[in-house]
Amino acid sequence: MARIHLISELEKLHNDLLKMGSMVEEAILDAIKSLKNQDIALAQKVIDGDKVINGLEEDIEDKCIKLIATQQPMAIDLREICSILRLIVDLERMADHASDIAKTTIRLANEKYVKPLVRIPRMADLAAEMVKHSLDAFVKKDVDLAKKTWHLDDEIDALYKDVYSELIVIMIEDQDKITQSTYFLFICKHIERIADYAKNVCEKVVYIQTGDYWMA
C-alpha cells in the first residue's frame, strides 16, 4: 500500500515538473517574441511570470522533501526524487535567462535594430524544444529521446557562431552599433545557457537509466 502511494506521489511530481517546464518553455518563446516585435507588454509579462515559476519551484521542492521524510523511498525512487530537486533548479535558472532577455527588450524598446532577427528566434525555438523534450524524456525514462534532444545543441551552437560573426562585423563597421550588438550577443548567451541546462536534464536521464553519461 505504501508503495502504491509513493508511485502516485511521484506521478504528481512528474506532472508538476512538466507544468513548470511548460511555463519555462512559454517564457522563452514569449521573451524572444517580445524582442522580435518590440512588445513591451509581453516582455513585462515574462518578467512578472518569473515570480510564478519561482513559486512553483518552491512548491515542488517542498513536496519532494516531504516525500523523502514520510515515505522512506527505495534507492531508485530516492535517486529520482533527488534528480527532480536538481531539475527544478535548472528550470528556474532557465526562466531567469528568459526574464533577462525580456528586460533587454525593454531596454531596446525605442531603438531600430541593427539587423533583422532571424537566427536568434531560431535559436530560441530550438532551446524551447530542448526544454520540452528533455523533460518528456525524464518523465518517460526515454534514453533515446534524451540523446536525440542533447544533440540539438549542436545546431544552436552553429547558429550562435553565425550570429556572433555577423555582429562582430557590424560593430567593426559602425561603432554606433556596438552597444546594441553587444546586447544581442548577451541574448544569444542566455539562449545558449538555457540549452546547456536542457542538456543537463538529458544527461541525468541517461545516467539514471544506464549508470553513465555517454551521449553518443
Protein backbone atom coordinates (compact mmCIF):
# COMPACT_ATOMS: atom_id res chain seq x y z
CA MET A 1 0.00 0.00 0.00
CA ALA A 2 2.82 2.39 0.88
CA ARG A 3 4.50 1.62 -2.44
CA ILE A 4 1.31 2.40 -4.35
CA HIS A 5 1.05 5.74 -2.54
CA LEU A 6 4.69 6.57 -3.33
CA ILE A 7 4.19 5.82 -7.03
CA SER A 8 1.10 8.04 -7.04
CA GLU A 9 3.01 10.90 -5.41
CA LEU A 10 5.86 10.50 -7.91
CA GLU A 11 3.37 10.79 -10.76
CA LYS A 12 2.08 14.03 -9.23
CA LEU A 13 5.64 15.31 -9.04
CA HIS A 14 6.13 14.45 -12.70
CA ASN A 15 3.00 16.43 -13.58
CA ASP A 16 4.24 19.40 -11.56
CA LEU A 17 7.62 19.15 -13.27
CA LEU A 18 6.02 19.14 -16.72
CA LYS A 19 3.84 22.10 -15.74
CA MET A 20 6.90 24.05 -14.64
CA GLY A 21 8.69 23.06 -17.83
CA SER A 22 5.77 24.21 -19.95
CA MET A 23 5.81 27.58 -18.21
CA VAL A 24 9.54 27.92 -18.80
CA GLU A 25 9.13 26.95 -22.45
CA GLU A 26 6.43 29.60 -22.86
CA ALA A 27 8.61 32.18 -21.12
CA ILE A 28 11.48 31.52 -23.55
CA LEU A 29 9.26 31.81 -26.62
CA ASP A 30 7.44 34.90 -25.31
CA ALA A 31 10.73 36.58 -24.40
CA ILE A 32 12.02 36.21 -27.95
CA LYS A 33 8.65 37.16 -29.43
CA SER A 34 8.65 40.32 -27.34
CA LEU A 35 12.18 41.07 -28.54
CA LYS A 36 11.38 40.48 -32.19
CA ASN A 37 8.19 42.57 -32.09
CA GLN A 38 9.50 45.09 -29.54
CA ASP A 39 6.43 44.23 -27.46
CA ILE A 40 6.96 45.80 -24.04
CA ALA A 41 3.74 44.43 -22.55
CA LEU A 42 4.70 40.86 -23.44
CA ALA A 43 8.22 41.42 -22.10
CA GLN A 44 6.77 42.58 -18.79
CA LYS A 45 4.52 39.52 -18.71
CA VAL A 46 7.61 37.31 -18.94
CA ILE A 47 9.31 39.23 -16.13
CA ASP A 48 6.24 39.01 -13.90
CA GLY A 49 5.77 35.33 -14.72
CA ASP A 50 9.24 34.55 -13.37
CA LYS A 51 7.86 35.01 -9.85
CA VAL A 52 5.16 32.40 -10.54
CA ILE A 53 7.79 29.94 -11.75
CA ASN A 54 9.85 30.61 -8.62
CA GLY A 55 6.79 29.84 -6.50
CA LEU A 56 6.21 26.56 -8.32
CA GLU A 57 9.84 25.60 -7.78
CA GLU A 58 9.41 26.13 -4.04
CA ASP A 59 6.20 24.09 -4.03
CA ILE A 60 7.81 21.14 -5.83
CA GLU A 61 10.84 21.30 -3.55
CA ASP A 62 8.57 21.17 -0.50
CA LYS A 63 6.70 18.14 -1.89
CA CYS A 64 9.97 16.32 -2.59
CA ILE A 65 11.29 16.90 0.91
CA LYS A 66 8.03 15.74 2.49
CA LEU A 67 8.05 12.63 0.31
CA ILE A 68 11.58 11.74 1.40
CA ALA A 69 10.73 12.38 5.05
CA THR A 70 7.44 10.46 5.19
CA GLN A 71 7.64 7.64 2.61
CA GLN A 72 11.18 6.26 3.07
CA PRO A 73 11.65 5.76 -0.68
CA MET A 74 13.80 2.96 -2.06
CA ALA A 75 17.19 3.82 -3.58
CA ILE A 76 15.90 4.09 -7.16
CA ASP A 77 12.98 6.28 -6.08
CA LEU A 78 15.21 8.43 -3.91
CA ARG A 79 17.55 8.98 -6.87
CA GLU A 80 14.59 10.12 -8.96
CA ILE A 81 13.30 12.50 -6.27
CA CYS A 82 16.77 13.98 -5.82
CA SER A 83 17.02 14.40 -9.60
CA ILE A 84 13.74 16.32 -9.60
CA LEU A 85 15.13 18.62 -6.90
CA ARG A 86 18.07 19.37 -9.18
CA LEU A 87 15.91 19.71 -12.30
CA ILE A 88 13.69 22.39 -10.81
CA VAL A 89 16.78 24.46 -10.02
CA ASP A 90 17.83 24.17 -13.67
CA LEU A 91 14.33 25.15 -14.82
CA GLU A 92 14.29 28.16 -12.50
CA ARG A 93 17.60 29.31 -13.96
CA MET A 94 16.23 28.91 -17.49
CA ALA A 95 13.32 31.15 -16.51
CA ASP A 96 15.79 33.72 -15.17
CA HIS A 97 17.52 33.80 -18.56
CA ALA A 98 14.16 34.30 -20.30
CA SER A 99 13.41 37.15 -17.90
CA ASP A 100 16.79 38.74 -18.65
CA ILE A 101 16.01 38.61 -22.38
CA ALA A 102 12.68 40.32 -21.69
CA LYS A 103 14.47 43.04 -19.71
CA THR A 104 16.71 43.64 -22.72
CA THR A 105 13.60 44.03 -24.88
CA ILE A 106 12.52 46.90 -22.65
CA ARG A 107 15.98 48.49 -22.81
CA LEU A 108 15.90 48.40 -26.62
CA ALA A 109 12.24 49.39 -26.93
CA ASN A 110 12.80 52.66 -28.77
CA GLU A 111 15.72 51.60 -30.95
CA LYS A 112 15.82 50.46 -34.54
CA TYR A 113 17.53 47.08 -34.63
CA VAL A 114 20.90 46.78 -36.34
CA LYS A 115 19.72 43.68 -38.21
CA PRO A 116 16.57 41.63 -38.79
CA LEU A 117 16.14 38.94 -36.13
CA VAL A 118 16.16 35.57 -37.88
CA ARG A 119 18.78 33.28 -36.35
CA ILE A 120 18.17 34.40 -32.75
CA PRO A 121 14.47 33.36 -32.81
CA ARG A 122 15.52 30.05 -34.38
CA MET A 123 17.99 29.52 -31.53
CA ALA A 124 15.21 30.20 -29.03
CA ASP A 125 12.81 27.81 -30.78
CA LEU A 126 15.40 25.05 -30.55
CA ALA A 127 16.14 25.81 -26.90
CA ALA A 128 12.44 25.69 -26.02
CA GLU A 129 12.15 22.40 -27.91
CA MET A 130 15.08 21.03 -25.90
CA VAL A 131 13.38 22.01 -22.64
CA LYS A 132 10.17 20.23 -23.61
CA HIS A 133 11.76 17.06 -24.95
CA SER A 134 14.32 16.74 -22.16
CA LEU A 135 11.57 16.78 -19.52
CA ASP A 136 9.47 14.35 -21.56
CA ALA A 137 12.50 12.06 -21.67
CA PHE A 138 12.93 12.33 -17.91
CA VAL A 139 9.31 11.51 -17.10
CA LYS A 140 9.12 8.70 -19.69
CA LYS A 141 12.63 7.41 -18.83
CA ASP A 142 13.36 7.60 -22.57
CA VAL A 143 17.12 7.38 -23.12
CA ASP A 144 16.87 7.63 -26.92
CA LEU A 145 14.84 10.84 -26.71
CA ALA A 146 17.30 12.27 -24.20
CA LYS A 147 20.24 11.59 -26.51
CA LYS A 148 18.42 12.97 -29.56
CA THR A 149 17.48 16.12 -27.65
CA TRP A 150 21.02 16.57 -26.31
CA HIS A 151 22.38 16.77 -29.85
CA LEU A 152 20.02 19.63 -30.80
CA ASP A 153 22.52 21.85 -29.01
CA ASP A 154 24.90 21.39 -31.94
CA GLU A 155 22.52 23.38 -34.16
CA ILE A 156 22.20 26.10 -31.52
CA ASP A 157 26.00 26.37 -31.31
CA ALA A 158 26.25 26.67 -35.10
CA LEU A 159 23.63 29.44 -35.16
CA TYR A 160 25.41 31.24 -32.32
CA LYS A 161 28.68 31.24 -34.26
CA ASP A 162 26.91 32.71 -37.30
CA VAL A 163 25.24 35.46 -35.25
CA TYR A 164 28.46 36.22 -33.39
CA SER A 165 30.43 36.62 -36.62
CA GLU A 166 27.75 38.81 -38.15
CA LEU A 167 27.51 41.09 -35.11
CA ILE A 168 31.29 41.47 -34.87
CA VAL A 169 31.36 42.70 -38.48
CA ILE A 170 28.54 45.16 -37.71
CA MET A 171 30.43 46.53 -34.69
CA ILE A 172 33.65 46.92 -36.67
CA GLU A 173 31.90 48.76 -39.49
CA ASP A 174 29.84 51.11 -37.29
CA GLN A 175 30.86 51.93 -33.72
CA ASP A 176 27.45 53.46 -33.03
CA LYS A 177 26.00 49.95 -33.22
CA ILE A 178 28.35 48.40 -30.67
CA THR A 179 26.08 48.75 -27.63
CA GLN A 180 23.00 47.21 -29.24
CA SER A 181 25.05 44.48 -30.90
CA THR A 182 26.52 43.63 -27.51
CA TYR A 183 23.01 43.25 -26.10
CA PHE A 184 22.20 40.80 -28.89
CA LEU A 185 25.32 38.82 -28.06
CA PHE A 186 24.18 38.66 -24.43
CA ILE A 187 20.80 37.38 -25.61
CA CYS A 188 22.50 34.64 -27.58
CA LYS A 189 24.45 33.65 -24.48
CA HIS A 190 21.21 33.49 -22.48
CA ILE A 191 19.75 31.12 -25.07
CA GLU A 192 22.93 29.06 -25.12
CA ARG A 193 22.81 28.71 -21.32
CA ILE A 194 19.16 27.59 -21.49
CA ALA A 195 20.21 24.88 -23.94
CA ASP A 196 23.04 23.85 -21.61
CA TYR A 197 20.58 23.38 -18.74
CA ALA A 198 18.38 21.28 -21.01
CA LYS A 199 21.43 19.18 -21.83
CA ASN A 200 21.93 18.67 -18.10
CA VAL A 201 18.43 17.20 -17.90
CA CYS A 202 19.21 14.82 -20.77
CA GLU A 203 22.42 13.71 -19.08
CA LYS A 204 20.51 12.97 -15.87
CA VAL A 205 18.07 10.78 -17.81
CA VAL A 206 20.88 8.76 -19.36
CA TYR A 207 22.72 8.45 -16.05
CA ILE A 208 19.67 7.31 -14.09
CA GLN A 209 18.73 4.69 -16.68
CA THR A 210 22.19 3.45 -17.73
CA GLY A 211 24.65 4.45 -15.00
CA ASP A 212 26.84 6.61 -17.26
CA TYR A 213 26.76 9.91 -19.14
CA TRP A 214 27.60 8.55 -22.59
CA MET A 215 25.52 10.54 -25.10
CA ALA A 216 26.68 9.17 -28.47
